[in-house]
Amino acid sequence: MFFLLLLLIFLSPRVLLFLTWLFNYYRFVVVFSPHTFLIPILGFIFMPWTTLIYLLNYSVTAPGHLTMWGWAWVTLAVLADLGSYGSSRFGRGRRSSLVE
């Protein structure tokens, strides 16, 4: 089961976010309070790794608390999201120069 979860994480963070919302809705309600529905939607669309890692590292027992290691993981997720955008832009520029 653990390897299936790891495979799912590496395949698509959006799928894992959806499954977390589907099977553990309480965590979504605690992390993203009910009146802020826009933040998880924008995170799902633009920053899926960051939203997923923030959701998984958020302490449900102490609301509003993220440990130092949690912030380190969130920082790495932000870099991963930004890196995916940067690599796609680099690849697009490289492809257009090969076509010419």
N, C-alpha and C. Protein backbone atom coordinates (compact mmCIF):
# COMPACT_ATOMS: atom_id res chain seq x y z
N MET A 1 0.82 -1.19 0.00
CA MET A 1 0.00 0.00 0.00
C MET A 1 0.86 1.26 0.00
N PHE A 2 1.97 1.21 0.75
CA PHE A 2 2.87 2.36 0.81
C PHE A 2 3.49 2.65 -0.55
N PHE A 3 3.88 1.60 -1.27
CA PHE A 3 4.48 1.81 -2.60
C PHE A 3 3.45 2.32 -3.60
N LEU A 4 2.20 1.90 -3.44
CA LEU A 4 1.14 2.42 -4.30
C LEU A 4 0.95 3.92 -4.04
N LEU A 5 1.02 4.32 -2.78
CA LEU A 5 0.91 5.74 -2.44
C LEU A 5 2.08 6.53 -3.01
N LEU A 6 3.30 6.00 -2.92
CA LEU A 6 4.45 6.68 -3.50
C LEU A 6 4.33 6.79 -5.02
N LEU A 7 3.87 5.74 -5.65
CA LEU A 7 3.67 5.78 -7.10
C LEU A 7 2.63 6.83 -7.47
N LEU A 8 1.57 6.90 -6.68
CA LEU A 8 0.53 7.88 -6.95
C LEU A 8 1.03 9.31 -6.74
N ILE A 9 1.88 9.51 -5.75
CA ILE A 9 2.45 10.85 -5.51
C ILE A 9 3.29 11.27 -6.69
N PHE A 10 4.12 10.38 -7.19
CA PHE A 10 5.02 10.76 -8.28
C PHE A 10 4.30 10.87 -9.62
N LEU A 11 3.19 10.18 -9.78
CA LEU A 11 2.47 10.28 -11.04
C LEU A 11 1.70 11.58 -11.16
N SER A 12 0.97 11.92 -10.13
CA SER A 12 0.18 13.13 -10.24
C SER A 12 -0.23 13.64 -8.86
N PRO A 13 0.24 14.82 -8.48
CA PRO A 13 -0.18 15.36 -7.19
C PRO A 13 -1.66 15.76 -7.21
N ARG A 14 -2.19 16.06 -8.38
CA ARG A 14 -3.61 16.44 -8.47
C ARG A 14 -4.52 15.25 -8.17
N VAL A 15 -4.12 14.07 -8.62
CA VAL A 15 -4.90 12.87 -8.33
C VAL A 15 -4.88 12.61 -6.83
N LEU A 16 -3.73 12.74 -6.20
CA LEU A 16 -3.64 12.52 -4.77
C LEU A 16 -4.40 13.58 -3.98
N LEU A 17 -4.38 14.82 -4.44
CA LEU A 17 -5.19 15.86 -3.80
C LEU A 17 -6.67 15.52 -3.88
N PHE A 18 -7.10 15.08 -5.03
CA PHE A 18 -8.50 14.72 -5.20
C PHE A 18 -8.88 13.55 -4.29
N LEU A 19 -8.02 12.53 -4.22
CA LEU A 19 -8.31 11.39 -3.35
C LEU A 19 -8.30 11.77 -1.89
N THR A 20 -7.40 12.68 -1.50
CA THR A 20 -7.39 13.15 -0.12
C THR A 20 -8.66 13.92 0.19
N TRP A 21 -9.11 14.74 -0.73
CA TRP A 21 -10.36 15.46 -0.54
C TRP A 21 -11.54 14.49 -0.46
N LEU A 22 -11.50 13.45 -1.27
CA LEU A 22 -12.61 12.49 -1.32
C LEU A 22 -12.69 11.64 -0.06
N PHE A 23 -11.55 11.15 0.42
CA PHE A 23 -11.55 10.21 1.53
C PHE A 23 -11.24 10.84 2.89
N ASN A 24 -10.67 12.03 2.92
CA ASN A 24 -10.33 12.67 4.19
C ASN A 24 -10.77 14.13 4.15
N TYR A 25 -12.05 14.34 3.96
CA TYR A 25 -12.58 15.69 3.81
C TYR A 25 -12.37 16.53 5.07
N TYR A 26 -12.35 15.88 6.24
CA TYR A 26 -12.15 16.61 7.49
C TYR A 26 -10.83 17.39 7.47
N ARG A 27 -9.78 16.80 6.92
CA ARG A 27 -8.49 17.48 6.86
C ARG A 27 -8.58 18.74 6.00
N PHE A 28 -9.29 18.67 4.89
CA PHE A 28 -9.47 19.86 4.05
C PHE A 28 -10.23 20.95 4.80
N VAL A 29 -11.24 20.57 5.56
CA VAL A 29 -12.02 21.55 6.30
C VAL A 29 -11.17 22.21 7.36
N VAL A 30 -10.31 21.45 8.03
CA VAL A 30 -9.47 22.02 9.08
C VAL A 30 -8.36 22.88 8.49
N VAL A 31 -7.70 22.40 7.46
CA VAL A 31 -6.57 23.13 6.88
C VAL A 31 -7.04 24.37 6.14
N PHE A 32 -7.97 24.19 5.27
CA PHE A 32 -8.53 25.31 4.51
C PHE A 32 -9.93 25.52 5.05
N SER A 33 -10.10 26.51 5.90
CA SER A 33 -11.39 26.71 6.56
C SER A 33 -12.51 26.82 5.52
N PRO A 34 -13.74 26.52 5.90
CA PRO A 34 -14.83 26.41 4.92
C PRO A 34 -15.10 27.67 4.11
N HIS A 35 -14.76 28.82 4.62
CA HIS A 35 -15.06 30.04 3.88
C HIS A 35 -13.96 30.43 2.89
N THR A 36 -12.87 29.67 2.82
CA THR A 36 -11.81 29.96 1.85
C THR A 36 -11.71 28.80 0.85
N PHE A 37 -12.65 28.71 -0.04
CA PHE A 37 -12.63 27.64 -1.03
C PHE A 37 -11.75 27.99 -2.22
N LEU A 38 -11.39 29.24 -2.38
CA LEU A 38 -10.62 29.67 -3.53
C LEU A 38 -9.15 29.22 -3.44
N ILE A 39 -8.58 29.21 -2.26
CA ILE A 39 -7.17 28.85 -2.08
C ILE A 39 -6.89 27.41 -2.50
N PRO A 40 -7.66 26.42 -2.05
CA PRO A 40 -7.37 25.06 -2.53
C PRO A 40 -7.61 24.87 -4.02
N ILE A 41 -8.57 25.59 -4.58
CA ILE A 41 -8.83 25.47 -6.02
C ILE A 41 -7.65 26.04 -6.81
N LEU A 42 -7.18 27.22 -6.40
CA LEU A 42 -6.01 27.81 -7.08
C LEU A 42 -4.77 26.95 -6.88
N GLY A 43 -4.61 26.40 -5.68
CA GLY A 43 -3.49 25.50 -5.43
C GLY A 43 -3.57 24.24 -6.27
N PHE A 44 -4.77 23.71 -6.44
CA PHE A 44 -4.97 22.52 -7.28
C PHE A 44 -4.58 22.80 -8.72
N ILE A 45 -4.89 23.99 -9.21
CA ILE A 45 -4.63 24.33 -10.61
C ILE A 45 -3.17 24.72 -10.84
N PHE A 46 -2.64 25.64 -10.00
CA PHE A 46 -1.34 26.24 -10.29
C PHE A 46 -0.17 25.67 -9.48
N MET A 47 -0.40 25.29 -8.23
CA MET A 47 0.70 24.81 -7.37
C MET A 47 0.29 23.51 -6.67
N PRO A 48 0.14 22.41 -7.42
CA PRO A 48 -0.37 21.18 -6.80
C PRO A 48 0.58 20.56 -5.78
N TRP A 49 1.89 20.59 -6.03
CA TRP A 49 2.82 20.02 -5.06
C TRP A 49 2.79 20.80 -3.76
N THR A 50 2.76 22.11 -3.84
CA THR A 50 2.75 22.93 -2.63
C THR A 50 1.48 22.70 -1.83
N THR A 51 0.35 22.66 -2.50
CA THR A 51 -0.92 22.43 -1.81
C THR A 51 -0.95 21.06 -1.15
N LEU A 52 -0.46 20.05 -1.85
CA LEU A 52 -0.44 18.70 -1.31
C LEU A 52 0.47 18.60 -0.09
N ILE A 53 1.66 19.11 -0.18
CA ILE A 53 2.60 19.02 0.94
C ILE A 53 2.13 19.84 2.12
N TYR A 54 1.57 21.01 1.87
CA TYR A 54 1.02 21.82 2.97
C TYR A 54 -0.12 21.07 3.64
N LEU A 55 -0.97 20.44 2.86
CA LEU A 55 -2.09 19.70 3.41
C LEU A 55 -1.62 18.51 4.25
N LEU A 56 -0.60 17.81 3.79
CA LEU A 56 -0.12 16.64 4.51
C LEU A 56 0.71 16.99 5.74
N ASN A 57 1.37 18.14 5.75
CA ASN A 57 2.21 18.52 6.88
C ASN A 57 1.50 19.35 7.93
N TYR A 58 0.31 19.82 7.63
CA TYR A 58 -0.45 20.64 8.56
C TYR A 58 -0.88 19.79 9.74
N SER A 59 -0.67 20.30 10.93
CA SER A 59 -1.02 19.56 12.13
C SER A 59 -2.50 19.76 12.44
N VAL A 60 -3.24 18.68 12.40
CA VAL A 60 -4.67 18.77 12.69
C VAL A 60 -4.91 18.93 14.18
N THR A 61 -4.01 18.39 15.00
CA THR A 61 -4.21 18.47 16.45
C THR A 61 -3.99 19.87 16.98
N ALA A 62 -3.11 20.65 16.35
CA ALA A 62 -2.87 22.03 16.76
C ALA A 62 -3.13 22.93 15.55
N PRO A 63 -4.38 23.31 15.31
CA PRO A 63 -4.70 24.10 14.11
C PRO A 63 -3.89 25.39 14.02
N GLY A 64 -3.47 25.68 12.81
CA GLY A 64 -2.68 26.88 12.60
C GLY A 64 -1.20 26.66 12.85
N HIS A 65 -0.80 25.41 13.00
CA HIS A 65 0.59 25.14 13.34
C HIS A 65 1.25 24.28 12.27
N LEU A 66 2.39 24.73 11.80
CA LEU A 66 3.21 23.97 10.86
C LEU A 66 4.61 23.97 11.43
N THR A 67 5.19 22.80 11.59
CA THR A 67 6.52 22.70 12.20
C THR A 67 7.59 23.24 11.26
N MET A 68 8.79 23.37 11.78
CA MET A 68 9.90 23.85 10.97
C MET A 68 10.18 22.89 9.82
N TRP A 69 10.10 21.58 10.08
CA TRP A 69 10.29 20.60 9.01
C TRP A 69 9.16 20.68 8.01
N GLY A 70 7.98 20.99 8.48
CA GLY A 70 6.85 21.17 7.56
C GLY A 70 7.08 22.33 6.61
N TRP A 71 7.59 23.45 7.14
CA TRP A 71 7.90 24.59 6.27
C TRP A 71 9.03 24.26 5.31
N ALA A 72 9.98 23.44 5.74
CA ALA A 72 11.07 23.03 4.84
C ALA A 72 10.50 22.21 3.67
N TRP A 73 9.56 21.31 3.96
CA TRP A 73 8.93 20.52 2.90
C TRP A 73 8.09 21.40 1.98
N VAL A 74 7.39 22.36 2.55
CA VAL A 74 6.58 23.27 1.73
C VAL A 74 7.49 24.09 0.81
N THR A 75 8.63 24.52 1.32
CA THR A 75 9.59 25.27 0.50
C THR A 75 10.09 24.42 -0.66
N LEU A 76 10.40 23.15 -0.39
CA LEU A 76 10.83 22.25 -1.47
C LEU A 76 9.71 22.04 -2.49
N ALA A 77 8.48 21.98 -2.02
CA ALA A 77 7.35 21.82 -2.94
C ALA A 77 7.16 23.05 -3.81
N VAL A 78 7.36 24.24 -3.23
CA VAL A 78 7.27 25.47 -4.03
C VAL A 78 8.34 25.45 -5.11
N LEU A 79 9.54 25.04 -4.74
CA LEU A 79 10.63 24.96 -5.73
C LEU A 79 10.31 23.93 -6.80
N ALA A 80 9.69 22.82 -6.42
CA ALA A 80 9.31 21.80 -7.41
C ALA A 80 8.26 22.34 -8.37
N ASP A 81 7.27 23.06 -7.84
CA ASP A 81 6.25 23.65 -8.72
C ASP A 81 6.86 24.69 -9.65
N LEU A 82 7.67 25.56 -9.11
CA LEU A 82 8.30 26.58 -9.95
C LEU A 82 9.26 25.95 -10.95
N GLY A 83 9.95 24.89 -10.54
CA GLY A 83 10.85 24.19 -11.45
C GLY A 83 10.11 23.52 -12.59
N SER A 84 8.92 23.02 -12.32
CA SER A 84 8.15 22.40 -13.41
C SER A 84 7.71 23.46 -14.42
N TYR A 85 7.36 24.65 -13.95
CA TYR A 85 7.01 25.72 -14.88
C TYR A 85 8.25 26.19 -15.65
N GLY A 86 9.38 26.30 -14.98
CA GLY A 86 10.60 26.74 -15.64
C GLY A 86 11.11 25.75 -16.65
N SER A 87 11.02 24.46 -16.32
CA SER A 87 11.50 23.45 -17.26
C SER A 87 10.61 23.37 -18.49
N SER A 88 9.31 23.58 -18.31
CA SER A 88 8.44 23.55 -19.49
C SER A 88 8.70 24.77 -20.38
N ARG A 89 9.01 25.90 -19.78
CA ARG A 89 9.33 27.09 -20.57
C ARG A 89 10.67 26.90 -21.29
N PHE A 90 11.65 26.30 -20.61
CA PHE A 90 12.94 26.04 -21.24
C PHE A 90 12.79 25.07 -22.40
N GLY A 91 11.99 24.02 -22.20
CA GLY A 91 11.78 23.04 -23.26
C GLY A 91 11.05 23.63 -24.45
N ARG A 92 10.11 24.53 -24.19
CA ARG A 92 9.38 25.16 -25.28
C ARG A 92 10.30 26.04 -26.11
N GLY A 93 11.20 26.79 -25.46
CA GLY A 93 12.15 27.63 -26.19
C GLY A 93 13.13 26.80 -26.98
N ARG A 94 13.52 25.68 -26.42
CA ARG A 94 14.46 24.80 -27.11
C ARG A 94 13.83 24.15 -28.33
N ARG A 95 12.56 23.76 -28.21
CA ARG A 95 11.87 23.15 -29.36
C ARG A 95 11.71 24.15 -30.49
N SER A 96 11.36 25.39 -30.15
CA SER A 96 11.15 26.36 -31.22
C SER A 96 12.45 26.69 -31.94
N SER A 97 13.58 26.62 -31.24
CA SER A 97 14.85 26.90 -31.91
C SER A 97 15.27 25.71 -32.78
N LEU A 98 14.83 24.50 -32.44
CA LEU A 98 15.16 23.33 -33.26
C LEU A 98 14.32 23.32 -34.54
N VAL A 99 13.13 23.87 -34.48
CA VAL A 99 12.25 23.87 -35.65
C VAL A 99 12.76 24.82 -36.71
N GLU A 100 13.31 25.93 -36.31
CA GLU A 100 13.75 26.96 -37.26
C GLU A 100 14.91 26.51 -38.06
